[in-house]
Amino acid sequence: MDERQLAAENDEHYRKARKLKAQPYVAKEDGDEGVVKMPHLGCYKPEGWEVSNKFFVDSSGFGSDSEPAMTLGRFLSHVKKGRGYCLLSAGQFQVYVHEFIREGGAA
């Protein structure tokens, strides 16, 4: 996909998330592997949440620790119980993930 196609796809995810008032996936425990089912919300910020971190993650399964994108294992080591996660944008082999905390700082 070229940049325009990626941008159009990510914009569509934003519009759908906004319309549905979608929520991030909330981790049930530290390292929750269920986070791989996180929704793609684009740049939509769900009500009651604030972005606390952004991650650049390999989505191909072939990345290594020497590359800029985190491997899935490394990303999971950052996943914390009670925090919300969603895809901000997705490319062919990497994704950007938003990590959210509840507004006011409670995790």
PDB file of N, CA and C in Angstrom:
ATOM      1  N   MET A   1       0.842  -1.190   0.000  1.00  0.00           N
ATOM      2  CA  MET A   1       0.000   0.000   0.000  1.00  0.00           C
ATOM      3  C   MET A   1       0.881   1.245   0.000  1.00  0.00           C
ATOM      4  N   ASP A   2       0.436   2.265  -0.686  1.00  0.00           N
ATOM      5  CA  ASP A   2       1.186   3.512  -0.627  1.00  0.00           C
ATOM      6  C   ASP A   2       0.645   4.374   0.518  1.00  0.00           C
ATOM      7  N   GLU A   3       1.291   5.506   0.756  1.00  0.00           N
ATOM      8  CA  GLU A   3       0.928   6.374   1.889  1.00  0.00           C
ATOM      9  C   GLU A   3      -0.516   6.844   1.831  1.00  0.00           C
ATOM     10  N   ARG A   4      -1.008   7.169   0.633  1.00  0.00           N
ATOM     11  CA  ARG A   4      -2.399   7.638   0.510  1.00  0.00           C
ATOM     12  C   ARG A   4      -3.381   6.543   0.895  1.00  0.00           C
ATOM     13  N   GLN A   5      -3.110   5.317   0.474  1.00  0.00           N
ATOM     14  CA  GLN A   5      -3.991   4.202   0.819  1.00  0.00           C
ATOM     15  C   GLN A   5      -3.987   3.949   2.329  1.00  0.00           C
ATOM     16  N   LEU A   6      -2.792   3.995   2.932  1.00  0.00           N
ATOM     17  CA  LEU A   6      -2.695   3.803   4.379  1.00  0.00           C
ATOM     18  C   LEU A   6      -3.453   4.892   5.123  1.00  0.00           C
ATOM     19  N   ALA A   7      -3.282   6.137   4.692  1.00  0.00           N
ATOM     20  CA  ALA A   7      -3.971   7.254   5.340  1.00  0.00           C
ATOM     21  C   ALA A   7      -5.483   7.108   5.201  1.00  0.00           C
ATOM     22  N   ALA A   8      -5.954   6.739   4.024  1.00  0.00           N
ATOM     23  CA  ALA A   8      -7.396   6.571   3.804  1.00  0.00           C
ATOM     24  C   ALA A   8      -7.950   5.447   4.684  1.00  0.00           C
ATOM     25  N   GLU A   9      -7.219   4.347   4.771  1.00  0.00           N
ATOM     26  CA  GLU A   9      -7.666   3.228   5.607  1.00  0.00           C
ATOM     27  C   GLU A   9      -7.719   3.634   7.074  1.00  0.00           C
ATOM     28  N   ASN A  10      -6.682   4.330   7.545  1.00  0.00           N
ATOM     29  CA  ASN A  10      -6.651   4.754   8.940  1.00  0.00           C
ATOM     30  C   ASN A  10      -7.733   5.793   9.238  1.00  0.00           C
ATOM     31  N   ASP A  11      -8.027   6.673   8.288  1.00  0.00           N
ATOM     32  CA  ASP A  11      -9.115   7.645   8.454  1.00  0.00           C
ATOM     33  C   ASP A  11     -10.456   6.932   8.579  1.00  0.00           C
ATOM     34  N   GLU A  12     -10.640   5.885   7.803  1.00  0.00           N
ATOM     35  CA  GLU A  12     -11.890   5.121   7.873  1.00  0.00           C
ATOM     36  C   GLU A  12     -12.062   4.478   9.244  1.00  0.00           C
ATOM     37  N   HIS A  13     -10.976   3.958   9.813  1.00  0.00           N
ATOM     38  CA  HIS A  13     -11.035   3.376  11.162  1.00  0.00           C
ATOM     39  C   HIS A  13     -11.423   4.447  12.180  1.00  0.00           C
ATOM     40  N   TYR A  14     -10.870   5.632  12.041  1.00  0.00           N
ATOM     41  CA  TYR A  14     -11.215   6.740  12.941  1.00  0.00           C
ATOM     42  C   TYR A  14     -12.711   7.044  12.856  1.00  0.00           C
ATOM     43  N   ARG A  15     -13.229   7.182  11.643  1.00  0.00           N
ATOM     44  CA  ARG A  15     -14.643   7.532  11.466  1.00  0.00           C
ATOM     45  C   ARG A  15     -15.557   6.456  12.080  1.00  0.00           C
ATOM     46  N   LYS A  16     -15.241   5.199  11.854  1.00  0.00           N
ATOM     47  CA  LYS A  16     -16.053   4.109  12.416  1.00  0.00           C
ATOM     48  C   LYS A  16     -15.979   4.103  13.945  1.00  0.00           C
ATOM     49  N   ALA A  17     -14.784   4.273  14.481  1.00  0.00           N
ATOM     50  CA  ALA A  17     -14.617   4.272  15.941  1.00  0.00           C
ATOM     51  C   ALA A  17     -15.381   5.426  16.576  1.00  0.00           C
ATOM     52  N   ARG A  18     -15.313   6.578  15.946  1.00  0.00           N
ATOM     53  CA  ARG A  18     -16.015   7.756  16.465  1.00  0.00           C
ATOM     54  C   ARG A  18     -17.523   7.535  16.442  1.00  0.00           C
ATOM     55  N   LYS A  19     -18.019   7.015  15.337  1.00  0.00           N
ATOM     56  CA  LYS A  19     -19.458   6.768  15.194  1.00  0.00           C
ATOM     57  C   LYS A  19     -19.945   5.779  16.253  1.00  0.00           C
ATOM     58  N   LEU A  20     -19.168   4.737  16.507  1.00  0.00           N
ATOM     59  CA  LEU A  20     -19.547   3.689  17.459  1.00  0.00           C
ATOM     60  C   LEU A  20     -19.151   3.997  18.903  1.00  0.00           C
ATOM     61  N   LYS A  21     -18.420   5.128  19.083  1.00  0.00           N
ATOM     62  CA  LYS A  21     -17.878   5.467  20.409  1.00  0.00           C
ATOM     63  C   LYS A  21     -17.109   4.265  20.976  1.00  0.00           C
ATOM     64  N   ALA A  22     -16.253   3.728  20.125  1.00  0.00           N
ATOM     65  CA  ALA A  22     -15.489   2.526  20.461  1.00  0.00           C
ATOM     66  C   ALA A  22     -14.556   2.767  21.645  1.00  0.00           C
ATOM     67  N   GLN A  23     -14.204   1.702  22.307  1.00  0.00           N
ATOM     68  CA  GLN A  23     -13.328   1.738  23.469  1.00  0.00           C
ATOM     69  C   GLN A  23     -12.084   0.892  23.199  1.00  0.00           C
ATOM     70  N   PRO A  24     -10.977   1.211  23.870  1.00  0.00           N
ATOM     71  CA  PRO A  24      -9.770   0.399  23.691  1.00  0.00           C
ATOM     72  C   PRO A  24      -9.931  -0.967  24.367  1.00  0.00           C
ATOM     73  N   TYR A  25      -9.052  -1.876  24.013  1.00  0.00           N
ATOM     74  CA  TYR A  25      -8.980  -3.160  24.711  1.00  0.00           C
ATOM     75  C   TYR A  25      -8.318  -2.888  26.060  1.00  0.00           C
ATOM     76  N   VAL A  26      -8.923  -3.319  27.142  1.00  0.00           N
ATOM     77  CA  VAL A  26      -8.364  -3.108  28.477  1.00  0.00           C
ATOM     78  C   VAL A  26      -7.661  -4.375  28.918  1.00  0.00           C
ATOM     79  N   ALA A  27      -6.370  -4.259  29.218  1.00  0.00           N
ATOM     80  CA  ALA A  27      -5.561  -5.409  29.630  1.00  0.00           C
ATOM     81  C   ALA A  27      -6.055  -5.946  30.972  1.00  0.00           C
ATOM     82  N   LYS A  28      -6.245  -7.250  31.029  1.00  0.00           N
ATOM     83  CA  LYS A  28      -6.739  -7.897  32.238  1.00  0.00           C
ATOM     84  C   LYS A  28      -5.615  -8.234  33.222  1.00  0.00           C
ATOM     85  N   GLU A  29      -4.373  -8.222  32.723  1.00  0.00           N
ATOM     86  CA  GLU A  29      -3.202  -8.496  33.552  1.00  0.00           C
ATOM     87  C   GLU A  29      -1.976  -7.935  32.840  1.00  0.00           C
ATOM     88  N   ASP A  30      -0.890  -7.772  33.565  1.00  0.00           N
ATOM     89  CA  ASP A  30       0.354  -7.361  32.926  1.00  0.00           C
ATOM     90  C   ASP A  30       0.722  -8.416  31.879  1.00  0.00           C
ATOM     91  N   GLY A  31       1.141  -7.967  30.701  1.00  0.00           N
ATOM     92  CA  GLY A  31       1.540  -8.889  29.639  1.00  0.00           C
ATOM     93  C   GLY A  31       0.381  -9.608  28.968  1.00  0.00           C
ATOM     94  N   ASP A  32      -0.835  -9.126  29.149  1.00  0.00           N
ATOM     95  CA  ASP A  32      -2.051  -9.756  28.613  1.00  0.00           C
ATOM     96  C   ASP A  32      -1.933  -9.993  27.105  1.00  0.00           C
ATOM     97  N   GLU A  33      -1.860 -11.253  26.696  1.00  0.00           N
ATOM     98  CA  GLU A  33      -1.746 -11.589  25.280  1.00  0.00           C
ATOM     99  C   GLU A  33      -3.024 -11.292  24.506  1.00  0.00           C
ATOM    100  N   GLY A  34      -4.130 -11.095  25.203  1.00  0.00           N
ATOM    101  CA  GLY A  34      -5.386 -10.737  24.557  1.00  0.00           C
ATOM    102  C   GLY A  34      -5.329  -9.385  23.871  1.00  0.00           C
ATOM    103  N   VAL A  35      -4.303  -8.620  24.184  1.00  0.00           N
ATOM    104  CA  VAL A  35      -4.142  -7.291  23.589  1.00  0.00           C
ATOM    105  C   VAL A  35      -3.990  -7.374  22.068  1.00  0.00           C
ATOM    106  N   VAL A  36      -3.612  -8.528  21.560  1.00  0.00           N
ATOM    107  CA  VAL A  36      -3.490  -8.660  20.102  1.00  0.00           C
ATOM    108  C   VAL A  36      -4.844  -8.515  19.415  1.00  0.00           C
ATOM    109  N   LYS A  37      -5.931  -8.573  20.180  1.00  0.00           N
ATOM    110  CA  LYS A  37      -7.283  -8.375  19.648  1.00  0.00           C
ATOM    111  C   LYS A  37      -7.726  -6.915  19.760  1.00  0.00           C
ATOM    112  N   MET A  38      -6.801  -6.020  20.070  1.00  0.00           N
ATOM    113  CA  MET A  38      -7.163  -4.617  20.264  1.00  0.00           C
ATOM    114  C   MET A  38      -7.833  -4.048  19.026  1.00  0.00           C
ATOM    115  N   PRO A  39      -8.774  -3.127  19.224  1.00  0.00           N
ATOM    116  CA  PRO A  39      -9.450  -2.524  18.073  1.00  0.00           C
ATOM    117  C   PRO A  39      -8.567  -1.511  17.360  1.00  0.00           C
ATOM    118  N   HIS A  40      -8.883  -1.288  16.113  1.00  0.00           N
ATOM    119  CA  HIS A  40      -8.188  -0.264  15.320  1.00  0.00           C
ATOM    120  C   HIS A  40      -9.053   0.997  15.380  1.00  0.00           C
ATOM    121  N   LEU A  41      -8.645   1.955  16.203  1.00  0.00           N
ATOM    122  CA  LEU A  41      -9.423   3.174  16.398  1.00  0.00           C
ATOM    123  C   LEU A  41      -8.872   4.364  15.631  1.00  0.00           C
ATOM    124  N   GLY A  42      -7.757   4.180  14.934  1.00  0.00           N
ATOM    125  CA  GLY A  42      -7.146   5.330  14.272  1.00  0.00           C
ATOM    126  C   GLY A  42      -6.764   6.358  15.320  1.00  0.00           C
ATOM    127  N   CYS A  43      -6.939   7.628  15.002  1.00  0.00           N
ATOM    128  CA  CYS A  43      -6.569   8.674  15.950  1.00  0.00           C
ATOM    129  C   CYS A  43      -7.734   9.067  16.868  1.00  0.00           C
ATOM    130  N   TYR A  44      -8.797   8.264  16.882  1.00  0.00           N
ATOM    131  CA  TYR A  44      -9.936   8.511  17.762  1.00  0.00           C
ATOM    132  C   TYR A  44      -9.508   8.346  19.210  1.00  0.00           C
ATOM    133  N   LYS A  45      -9.861   9.324  20.058  1.00  0.00           N
ATOM    134  CA  LYS A  45      -9.562   9.255  21.486  1.00  0.00           C
ATOM    135  C   LYS A  45     -10.868   9.009  22.226  1.00  0.00           C
ATOM    136  N   PRO A  46     -11.032   7.807  22.771  1.00  0.00           N
ATOM    137  CA  PRO A  46     -12.269   7.480  23.466  1.00  0.00           C
ATOM    138  C   PRO A  46     -12.486   8.381  24.688  1.00  0.00           C
ATOM    139  N   GLU A  47     -13.748   8.702  24.936  1.00  0.00           N
ATOM    140  CA  GLU A  47     -14.092   9.545  26.089  1.00  0.00           C
ATOM    141  C   GLU A  47     -13.661   8.848  27.376  1.00  0.00           C
ATOM    142  N   GLY A  48     -13.063   9.620  28.274  1.00  0.00           N
ATOM    143  CA  GLY A  48     -12.634   9.091  29.559  1.00  0.00           C
ATOM    144  C   GLY A  48     -11.234   8.518  29.577  1.00  0.00           C
ATOM    145  N   TRP A  49     -10.555   8.564  28.433  1.00  0.00           N
ATOM    146  CA  TRP A  49      -9.206   8.017  28.331  1.00  0.00           C
ATOM    147  C   TRP A  49      -8.242   9.086  27.840  1.00  0.00           C
ATOM    148  N   GLU A  50      -6.990   8.967  28.231  1.00  0.00           N
ATOM    149  CA  GLU A  50      -5.938   9.824  27.681  1.00  0.00           C
ATOM    150  C   GLU A  50      -4.751   8.961  27.283  1.00  0.00           C
ATOM    151  N   VAL A  51      -4.086   9.371  26.215  1.00  0.00           N
ATOM    152  CA  VAL A  51      -2.929   8.616  25.716  1.00  0.00           C
ATOM    153  C   VAL A  51      -1.780   8.756  26.712  1.00  0.00           C
ATOM    154  N   SER A  52      -1.214   7.619  27.087  1.00  0.00           N
ATOM    155  CA  SER A  52      -0.077   7.639  28.009  1.00  0.00           C
ATOM    156  C   SER A  52       1.216   7.197  27.340  1.00  0.00           C
ATOM    157  N   ASN A  53       1.094   6.480  26.209  1.00  0.00           N
ATOM    158  CA  ASN A  53       2.286   5.996  25.544  1.00  0.00           C
ATOM    159  C   ASN A  53       1.936   5.584  24.118  1.00  0.00           C
ATOM    160  N   LYS A  54       2.947   5.545  23.268  1.00  0.00           N
ATOM    161  CA  LYS A  54       2.792   5.050  21.898  1.00  0.00           C
ATOM    162  C   LYS A  54       3.893   4.035  21.655  1.00  0.00           C
ATOM    163  N   PHE A  55       3.548   2.968  20.945  1.00  0.00           N
ATOM    164  CA  PHE A  55       4.512   1.918  20.644  1.00  0.00           C
ATOM    165  C   PHE A  55       4.535   1.654  19.148  1.00  0.00           C
ATOM    166  N   PHE A  56       5.717   1.354  18.632  1.00  0.00           N
ATOM    167  CA  PHE A  56       5.918   0.968  17.239  1.00  0.00           C
ATOM    168  C   PHE A  56       6.243  -0.516  17.268  1.00  0.00           C
ATOM    169  N   VAL A  57       5.346  -1.349  16.715  1.00  0.00           N
ATOM    170  CA  VAL A  57       5.423  -2.789  16.907  1.00  0.00           C
ATOM    171  C   VAL A  57       5.429  -3.525  15.565  1.00  0.00           C
ATOM    172  N   ASP A  58       6.279  -4.533  15.469  1.00  0.00           N
ATOM    173  CA  ASP A  58       6.313  -5.399  14.296  1.00  0.00           C
ATOM    174  C   ASP A  58       5.044  -6.243  14.279  1.00  0.00           C
ATOM    175  N   SER A  59       4.358  -6.285  13.154  1.00  0.00           N
ATOM    176  CA  SER A  59       3.138  -7.093  13.061  1.00  0.00           C
ATOM    177  C   SER A  59       3.332  -8.316  12.162  1.00  0.00           C
ATOM    178  N   SER A  60       4.524  -8.474  11.617  1.00  0.00           N
ATOM    179  CA  SER A  60       4.766  -9.581  10.692  1.00  0.00           C
ATOM    180  C   SER A  60       5.102 -10.878  11.414  1.00  0.00           C
ATOM    181  N   GLY A  61       5.638 -10.759  12.625  1.00  0.00           N
ATOM    182  CA  GLY A  61       6.112 -11.935  13.345  1.00  0.00           C
ATOM    183  C   GLY A  61       7.532 -12.325  12.985  1.00  0.00           C
ATOM    184  N   PHE A  62       8.150 -11.559  12.070  1.00  0.00           N
ATOM    185  CA  PHE A  62       9.508 -11.875  11.627  1.00  0.00           C
ATOM    186  C   PHE A  62      10.541 -10.859  12.104  1.00  0.00           C
ATOM    187  N   GLY A  63      10.124  -9.873  12.898  1.00  0.00           N
ATOM    188  CA  GLY A  63      11.041  -8.843  13.373  1.00  0.00           C
ATOM    189  C   GLY A  63      12.023  -9.388  14.393  1.00  0.00           C
ATOM    190  N   SER A  64      13.071  -8.615  14.630  1.00  0.00           N
ATOM    191  CA  SER A  64      14.054  -9.007  15.639  1.00  0.00           C
ATOM    192  C   SER A  64      14.280  -7.843  16.593  1.00  0.00           C
ATOM    193  N   ASP A  65      14.889  -8.124  17.723  1.00  0.00           N
ATOM    194  CA  ASP A  65      15.127  -7.093  18.737  1.00  0.00           C
ATOM    195  C   ASP A  65      16.084  -6.012  18.262  1.00  0.00           C
ATOM    196  N   SER A  66      16.811  -6.255  17.179  1.00  0.00           N
ATOM    197  CA  SER A  66      17.750  -5.248  16.678  1.00  0.00           C
ATOM    198  C   SER A  66      17.077  -4.223  15.766  1.00  0.00           C
ATOM    199  N   GLU A  67      15.790  -4.418  15.475  1.00  0.00           N
ATOM    200  CA  GLU A  67      15.072  -3.508  14.583  1.00  0.00           C
ATOM    201  C   GLU A  67      14.303  -2.455  15.384  1.00  0.00           C
ATOM    202  N   PRO A  68      13.974  -1.319  14.739  1.00  0.00           N
ATOM    203  CA  PRO A  68      13.270  -0.238  15.449  1.00  0.00           C
ATOM    204  C   PRO A  68      11.897  -0.646  15.981  1.00  0.00           C
ATOM    205  N   ALA A  69      11.151  -1.481  15.240  1.00  0.00           N
ATOM    206  CA  ALA A  69       9.829  -1.912  15.699  1.00  0.00           C
ATOM    207  C   ALA A  69       9.994  -3.011  16.745  1.00  0.00           C
ATOM    208  N   MET A  70       9.260  -2.883  17.856  1.00  0.00           N
ATOM    209  CA  MET A  70       9.316  -3.884  18.912  1.00  0.00           C
ATOM    210  C   MET A  70       8.776  -5.212  18.414  1.00  0.00           C
ATOM    211  N   THR A  71       9.362  -6.292  18.873  1.00  0.00           N
ATOM    212  CA  THR A  71       8.772  -7.602  18.630  1.00  0.00           C
ATOM    213  C   THR A  71       7.518  -7.709  19.495  1.00  0.00           C
ATOM    214  N   LEU A  72       6.654  -8.670  19.193  1.00  0.00           N
ATOM    215  CA  LEU A  72       5.446  -8.849  19.991  1.00  0.00           C
ATOM    216  C   LEU A  72       5.801  -9.138  21.444  1.00  0.00           C
ATOM    217  N   GLY A  73       6.788  -9.981  21.669  1.00  0.00           N
ATOM    218  CA  GLY A  73       7.203 -10.306  23.040  1.00  0.00           C
ATOM    219  C   GLY A  73       7.654  -9.083  23.815  1.00  0.00           C
ATOM    220  N   ARG A  74       8.441  -8.241  23.163  1.00  0.00           N
ATOM    221  CA  ARG A  74       8.909  -7.017  23.827  1.00  0.00           C
ATOM    222  C   ARG A  74       7.745  -6.083  24.108  1.00  0.00           C
ATOM    223  N   PHE A  75       6.827  -5.959  23.150  1.00  0.00           N
ATOM    224  CA  PHE A  75       5.656  -5.121  23.369  1.00  0.00           C
ATOM    225  C   PHE A  75       4.835  -5.646  24.551  1.00  0.00           C
ATOM    226  N   LEU A  76       4.596  -6.954  24.574  1.00  0.00           N
ATOM    227  CA  LEU A  76       3.795  -7.521  25.668  1.00  0.00           C
ATOM    228  C   LEU A  76       4.416  -7.256  27.033  1.00  0.00           C
ATOM    229  N   SER A  77       5.728  -7.134  27.096  1.00  0.00           N
ATOM    230  CA  SER A  77       6.375  -6.833  28.378  1.00  0.00           C
ATOM    231  C   SER A  77       6.037  -5.431  28.872  1.00  0.00           C
ATOM    232  N   HIS A  78       5.500  -4.581  27.993  1.00  0.00           N
ATOM    233  CA  HIS A  78       5.087  -3.224  28.359  1.00  0.00           C
ATOM    234  C   HIS A  78       3.594  -3.113  28.673  1.00  0.00           C
ATOM    235  N   VAL A  79       2.834  -4.152  28.327  1.00  0.00           N
ATOM    236  CA  VAL A  79       1.382  -4.133  28.542  1.00  0.00           C
ATOM    237  C   VAL A  79       1.095  -4.232  30.044  1.00  0.00           C
ATOM    238  N   LYS A  80       0.276  -3.292  30.537  1.00  0.00           N
ATOM    239  CA  LYS A  80      -0.031  -3.217  31.967  1.00  0.00           C
ATOM    240  C   LYS A  80      -1.521  -3.391  32.229  1.00  0.00           C
ATOM    241  N   LYS A  81      -1.813  -4.112  33.277  1.00  0.00           N
ATOM    242  CA  LYS A  81      -3.194  -4.359  33.695  1.00  0.00           C
ATOM    243  C   LYS A  81      -3.945  -3.031  33.867  1.00  0.00           C
ATOM    244  N   GLY A  82      -5.168  -2.983  33.322  1.00  0.00           N
ATOM    245  CA  GLY A  82      -6.031  -1.819  33.491  1.00  0.00           C
ATOM    246  C   GLY A  82      -5.823  -0.715  32.478  1.00  0.00           C
ATOM    247  N   ARG A  83      -4.789  -0.814  31.677  1.00  0.00           N
ATOM    248  CA  ARG A  83      -4.567   0.192  30.643  1.00  0.00           C
ATOM    249  C   ARG A  83      -5.251  -0.237  29.358  1.00  0.00           C
ATOM    250  N   GLY A  84      -5.639   0.746  28.552  1.00  0.00           N
ATOM    251  CA  GLY A  84      -6.318   0.472  27.296  1.00  0.00           C
ATOM    252  C   GLY A  84      -5.348   0.510  26.132  1.00  0.00           C
ATOM    253  N   TYR A  85      -5.614  -0.299  25.102  1.00  0.00           N
ATOM    254  CA  TYR A  85      -4.739  -0.390  23.938  1.00  0.00           C
ATOM    255  C   TYR A  85      -5.574  -0.408  22.661  1.00  0.00           C
ATOM    256  N   CYS A  86      -5.076   0.305  21.653  1.00  0.00           N
ATOM    257  CA  CYS A  86      -5.717   0.273  20.344  1.00  0.00           C
ATOM    258  C   CYS A  86      -4.668   0.536  19.275  1.00  0.00           C
ATOM    259  N   LEU A  87      -5.001   0.129  18.052  1.00  0.00           N
ATOM    260  CA  LEU A  87      -4.138   0.450  16.922  1.00  0.00           C
ATOM    261  C   LEU A  87      -4.392   1.886  16.516  1.00  0.00           C
ATOM    262  N   LEU A  88      -3.329   2.639  16.400  1.00  0.00           N
ATOM    263  CA  LEU A  88      -3.403   4.004  15.903  1.00  0.00           C
ATOM    264  C   LEU A  88      -3.335   3.981  14.388  1.00  0.00           C
ATOM    265  N   SER A  89      -2.382   3.241  13.854  1.00  0.00           N
ATOM    266  CA  SER A  89      -2.264   3.081  12.409  1.00  0.00           C
ATOM    267  C   SER A  89      -1.545   1.775  12.123  1.00  0.00           C
ATOM    268  N   ALA A  90      -1.805   1.261  10.937  1.00  0.00           N
ATOM    269  CA  ALA A  90      -1.218  -0.019  10.554  1.00  0.00           C
ATOM    270  C   ALA A  90      -0.645   0.085   9.159  1.00  0.00           C
ATOM    271  N   GLY A  91       0.585  -0.369   9.021  1.00  0.00           N
ATOM    272  CA  GLY A  91       1.221  -0.473   7.718  1.00  0.00           C
ATOM    273  C   GLY A  91       1.277  -1.936   7.330  1.00  0.00           C
ATOM    274  N   GLN A  92       2.105  -2.237   6.359  1.00  0.00           N
ATOM    275  CA  GLN A  92       2.172  -3.608   5.879  1.00  0.00           C
ATOM    276  C   GLN A  92       2.816  -4.552   6.896  1.00  0.00           C
ATOM    277  N   PHE A  93       3.854  -4.081   7.596  1.00  0.00           N
ATOM    278  CA  PHE A  93       4.588  -4.952   8.506  1.00  0.00           C
ATOM    279  C   PHE A  93       4.717  -4.414   9.924  1.00  0.00           C
ATOM    280  N   GLN A  94       4.291  -3.183  10.165  1.00  0.00           N
ATOM    281  CA  GLN A  94       4.377  -2.600  11.492  1.00  0.00           C
ATOM    282  C   GLN A  94       3.075  -1.882  11.824  1.00  0.00           C
ATOM    283  N   VAL A  95       2.849  -1.710  13.131  1.00  0.00           N
ATOM    284  CA  VAL A  95       1.692  -0.968  13.607  1.00  0.00           C
ATOM    285  C   VAL A  95       2.141   0.019  14.679  1.00  0.00           C
ATOM    286  N   TYR A  96       1.383   1.095  14.800  1.00  0.00           N
ATOM    287  CA  TYR A  96       1.537   2.011  15.928  1.00  0.00           C
ATOM    288  C   TYR A  96       0.399   1.729  16.881  1.00  0.00           C
ATOM    289  N   VAL A  97       0.727   1.586  18.148  1.00  0.00           N
ATOM    290  CA  VAL A  97      -0.253   1.269  19.179  1.00  0.00           C
ATOM    291  C   VAL A  97      -0.311   2.422  20.175  1.00  0.00           C
ATOM    292  N   HIS A  98      -1.532   2.839  20.504  1.00  0.00           N
ATOM    293  CA  HIS A  98      -1.732   3.805  21.578  1.00  0.00           C
ATOM    294  C   HIS A  98      -2.009   3.025  22.871  1.00  0.00           C
ATOM    295  N   GLU A  99      -1.390   3.497  23.940  1.00  0.00           N
ATOM    296  CA  GLU A  99      -1.705   2.996  25.269  1.00  0.00           C
ATOM    297  C   GLU A  99      -2.449   4.118  25.977  1.00  0.00           C
ATOM    298  N   PHE A 100      -3.575   3.792  26.600  1.00  0.00           N
ATOM    299  CA  PHE A 100      -4.383   4.786  27.290  1.00  0.00           C
ATOM    300  C   PHE A 100      -4.429   4.491  28.791  1.00  0.00           C
ATOM    301  N   ILE A 101      -4.570   5.556  29.562  1.00  0.00           N
ATOM    302  CA  ILE A 101      -4.921   5.447  30.970  1.00  0.00           C
ATOM    303  C   ILE A 101      -6.223   6.214  31.148  1.00  0.00           C
ATOM    304  N   ARG A 102      -6.940   5.903  32.182  1.00  0.00           N
ATOM    305  CA  ARG A 102      -8.171   6.634  32.465  1.00  0.00           C
ATOM    306  C   ARG A 102      -7.820   8.082  32.755  1.00  0.00           C
ATOM    307  N   GLU A 103      -8.652   9.002  32.301  1.00  0.00           N
ATOM    308  CA  GLU A 103      -8.400  10.421  32.585  1.00  0.00           C
ATOM    309  C   GLU A 103      -8.311  10.619  34.084  1.00  0.00           C
ATOM    310  N   GLY A 104      -7.372  11.416  34.500  1.00  0.00           N
ATOM    311  CA  GLY A 104      -7.129  11.613  35.906  1.00  0.00           C
ATOM    312  C   GLY A 104      -5.989  10.751  36.417  1.00  0.00           C
ATOM    313  N   GLY A 105      -5.448   9.869  35.555  1.00  0.00           N
ATOM    314  CA  GLY A 105      -4.249   9.126  35.894  1.00  0.00           C
ATOM    315  C   GLY A 105      -4.434   7.744  36.455  1.00  0.00           C
ATOM    316  N   ALA A 106      -5.655   7.298  36.726  1.00  0.00           N
ATOM    317  CA  ALA A 106      -5.830   5.948  37.257  1.00  0.00           C
ATOM    318  C   ALA A 106      -5.627   4.931  36.143  1.00  0.00           C
ATOM    319  N   ALA A 107      -4.860   3.907  36.419  1.00  0.00           N
ATOM    320  CA  ALA A 107      -4.604   2.870  35.403  1.00  0.00           C
ATOM    321  C   ALA A 107      -5.689   1.824  35.402  1.00  0.00           C
TER     322      ALA A 107
END
